[in-house]
Amino acid sequence: IKNAASVRTTRQTVEAAMRFPRGANQYATLCQTCHGKDGNGVKSLAPPLNQSEWVTGDKGRLISIVLYGLTGPVEVNKHLYKAPEIAGDMPGIGNDPRLNMDELAQLLSYIRRAWQNHADQVQPDDIQRVKAKHGNRKEPFTVEQL
């Protein structure tokens, strides 16, 4: 028997997938292996996205991580994730030719609205601003740089 919180989380995730279908598909293809279908992370691979201040906080910071990647230890929900607990760096997907600005905006919006996350959606213009700010950056960010 599912509890009420679990039912709300499932309903919210279904609604996010209906609102951002390409984002839900991209998540399943690109992110789910490490961050889990439920967004709660996968042990020894990656920290949670569900209820993470990195996801629901400053969207420019989240966009930067997804575009360029993140290296080094990161604290999520008051827990410090570092090797060997997590596999290593999160690769940036901003140069993936399969993802245009609309696809990335859908993916980020899905992540910010699925599970138990309650954050506003990401627009293609938001992504463009972050790209303009960082120019031709190739290396991943550290927490300190963000």
Protein backbone atom coordinates (compact mmCIF):
# COMPACT_ATOMS: atom_id res chain seq x y z
CA ILE A 1 0.00 0.00 0.00
CA LYS A 2 1.39 3.37 -1.00
CA ASN A 3 1.36 6.17 1.51
CA ALA A 4 -0.08 9.61 0.68
CA ALA A 5 3.35 11.21 0.11
CA SER A 6 4.29 8.47 -2.34
CA VAL A 7 1.03 8.93 -4.25
CA ARG A 8 1.58 12.72 -4.43
CA THR A 9 5.16 12.19 -5.64
CA THR A 10 3.99 9.77 -8.33
CA ARG A 11 1.19 12.11 -9.43
CA GLN A 12 3.57 15.09 -9.52
CA THR A 13 6.10 13.12 -11.60
CA VAL A 14 3.39 12.01 -14.06
CA GLU A 15 2.18 15.60 -14.37
CA ALA A 16 5.77 16.81 -14.98
CA ALA A 17 6.21 14.13 -17.67
CA MET A 18 2.97 15.20 -19.36
CA ARG A 19 3.96 18.87 -19.26
CA PHE A 20 7.57 18.25 -20.35
CA PRO A 21 7.43 14.98 -22.34
CA ARG A 22 10.71 15.47 -24.20
CA GLY A 23 12.37 16.35 -20.89
CA ALA A 24 11.08 13.17 -19.26
CA ASN A 25 12.36 11.17 -22.23
CA GLN A 26 15.77 12.86 -22.12
CA TYR A 27 15.96 12.23 -18.36
CA ALA A 28 15.25 8.53 -18.90
CA THR A 29 17.91 8.39 -21.62
CA LEU A 30 20.67 10.58 -20.19
CA CYS A 31 20.26 10.93 -16.43
CA GLN A 32 18.28 8.06 -14.96
CA THR A 33 21.13 5.53 -14.94
CA CYS A 34 23.04 7.58 -12.36
CA HIS A 35 20.35 9.64 -10.65
CA GLY A 36 17.64 6.95 -10.55
CA LYS A 37 14.13 6.74 -11.90
CA ASP A 38 12.87 8.30 -8.68
CA GLY A 39 15.54 11.02 -8.69
CA ASN A 40 16.94 9.78 -5.39
CA GLY A 41 20.39 8.99 -6.78
CA VAL A 42 22.06 5.64 -7.28
CA LYS A 43 24.47 4.41 -4.63
CA SER A 44 28.09 4.59 -5.79
CA LEU A 45 27.13 6.63 -8.87
CA ALA A 46 25.44 9.97 -8.20
CA PRO A 47 23.63 12.02 -5.57
CA PRO A 48 19.89 12.68 -5.55
CA LEU A 49 18.11 15.28 -7.65
CA ASN A 50 14.87 14.86 -5.74
CA GLN A 51 14.53 17.60 -3.12
CA SER A 52 18.06 18.80 -3.91
CA GLU A 53 18.87 22.46 -3.38
CA TRP A 54 21.07 22.17 -6.49
CA VAL A 55 17.95 21.44 -8.56
CA THR A 56 15.33 23.63 -6.93
CA GLY A 57 17.63 26.57 -6.15
CA ASP A 58 19.26 28.99 -8.59
CA LYS A 59 18.40 27.74 -12.06
CA GLY A 60 21.50 29.39 -13.54
CA ARG A 61 23.65 27.19 -11.32
CA LEU A 62 21.73 24.06 -12.37
CA ILE A 63 22.00 25.03 -16.04
CA SER A 64 25.77 25.53 -15.64
CA ILE A 65 26.16 22.06 -14.12
CA VAL A 66 24.14 20.36 -16.84
CA LEU A 67 25.88 22.25 -19.65
CA TYR A 68 29.47 21.95 -18.44
CA GLY A 69 29.53 19.32 -15.71
CA LEU A 70 30.54 19.22 -12.05
CA THR A 71 33.72 17.87 -10.53
CA GLY A 72 34.78 17.16 -6.99
CA PRO A 73 32.82 16.65 -3.82
CA VAL A 74 29.34 18.12 -3.56
CA GLU A 75 27.04 18.48 -0.58
CA VAL A 76 23.41 17.58 -1.29
CA ASN A 77 20.74 17.63 1.40
CA LYS A 78 23.40 18.01 4.13
CA HIS A 79 25.35 14.96 2.93
CA LEU A 80 28.80 15.29 1.36
CA TYR A 81 29.15 13.11 -1.73
CA LYS A 82 32.72 12.37 -2.81
CA ALA A 83 34.73 9.52 -4.26
CA PRO A 84 34.54 6.61 -3.72
CA GLU A 85 30.93 7.07 -2.57
CA ILE A 86 30.05 8.46 -6.00
CA ALA A 87 31.64 7.38 -9.24
CA GLY A 88 33.24 10.69 -10.08
CA ASP A 89 32.50 13.77 -12.08
CA MET A 90 29.18 14.57 -13.68
CA PRO A 91 29.78 15.15 -17.37
CA GLY A 92 28.29 18.20 -19.02
CA ILE A 93 25.82 17.49 -21.79
CA GLY A 94 25.72 20.96 -23.31
CA ASN A 95 27.69 19.88 -26.36
CA ASP A 96 25.51 16.86 -27.09
CA PRO A 97 24.29 17.43 -30.67
CA ARG A 98 21.03 15.60 -29.88
CA LEU A 99 20.01 18.39 -27.48
CA ASN A 100 18.98 21.83 -28.66
CA MET A 101 17.95 24.68 -26.34
CA ASP A 102 14.32 23.52 -26.27
CA GLU A 103 15.34 19.95 -25.38
CA LEU A 104 17.61 21.16 -22.58
CA ALA A 105 14.91 23.49 -21.25
CA GLN A 106 12.43 20.59 -21.22
CA LEU A 107 14.92 18.32 -19.43
CA LEU A 108 15.74 20.90 -16.77
CA SER A 109 12.09 21.85 -16.31
CA TYR A 110 11.16 18.19 -15.87
CA ILE A 111 13.86 17.73 -13.21
CA ARG A 112 12.75 20.89 -11.39
CA ARG A 113 9.09 19.74 -11.32
CA ALA A 114 9.27 15.92 -10.94
CA TRP A 115 9.24 13.82 -7.76
CA GLN A 116 8.98 16.23 -4.81
CA ASN A 117 10.61 19.21 -6.52
CA HIS A 118 8.69 22.48 -6.78
CA ALA A 119 10.64 24.98 -8.85
CA ASP A 120 9.83 27.15 -11.84
CA GLN A 121 10.55 25.90 -15.32
CA VAL A 122 13.62 26.70 -17.39
CA GLN A 123 13.24 28.63 -20.62
CA PRO A 124 15.59 28.42 -23.63
CA ASP A 125 16.50 32.07 -22.93
CA ASP A 126 17.76 31.05 -19.47
CA ILE A 127 20.11 28.55 -21.09
CA GLN A 128 21.26 31.07 -23.66
CA ARG A 129 22.16 33.55 -20.89
CA VAL A 130 24.29 30.94 -19.10
CA LYS A 131 26.03 29.96 -22.34
CA ALA A 132 26.76 33.62 -23.11
CA LYS A 133 28.16 34.13 -19.60
CA HIS A 134 30.58 31.19 -19.84
CA GLY A 135 31.54 31.47 -23.50
CA ASN A 136 33.42 28.46 -24.86
CA ARG A 137 34.03 26.82 -21.48
CA LYS A 138 35.01 23.17 -21.82
CA GLU A 139 35.93 22.08 -18.29
CA PRO A 140 33.47 21.14 -15.56
CA PHE A 141 32.79 23.45 -12.63
CA THR A 142 33.78 22.82 -9.04
CA VAL A 143 31.36 23.68 -6.25
CA GLU A 144 33.53 26.68 -5.34
CA GLN A 145 33.35 28.05 -8.89
CA LEU A 146 29.57 27.94 -8.83
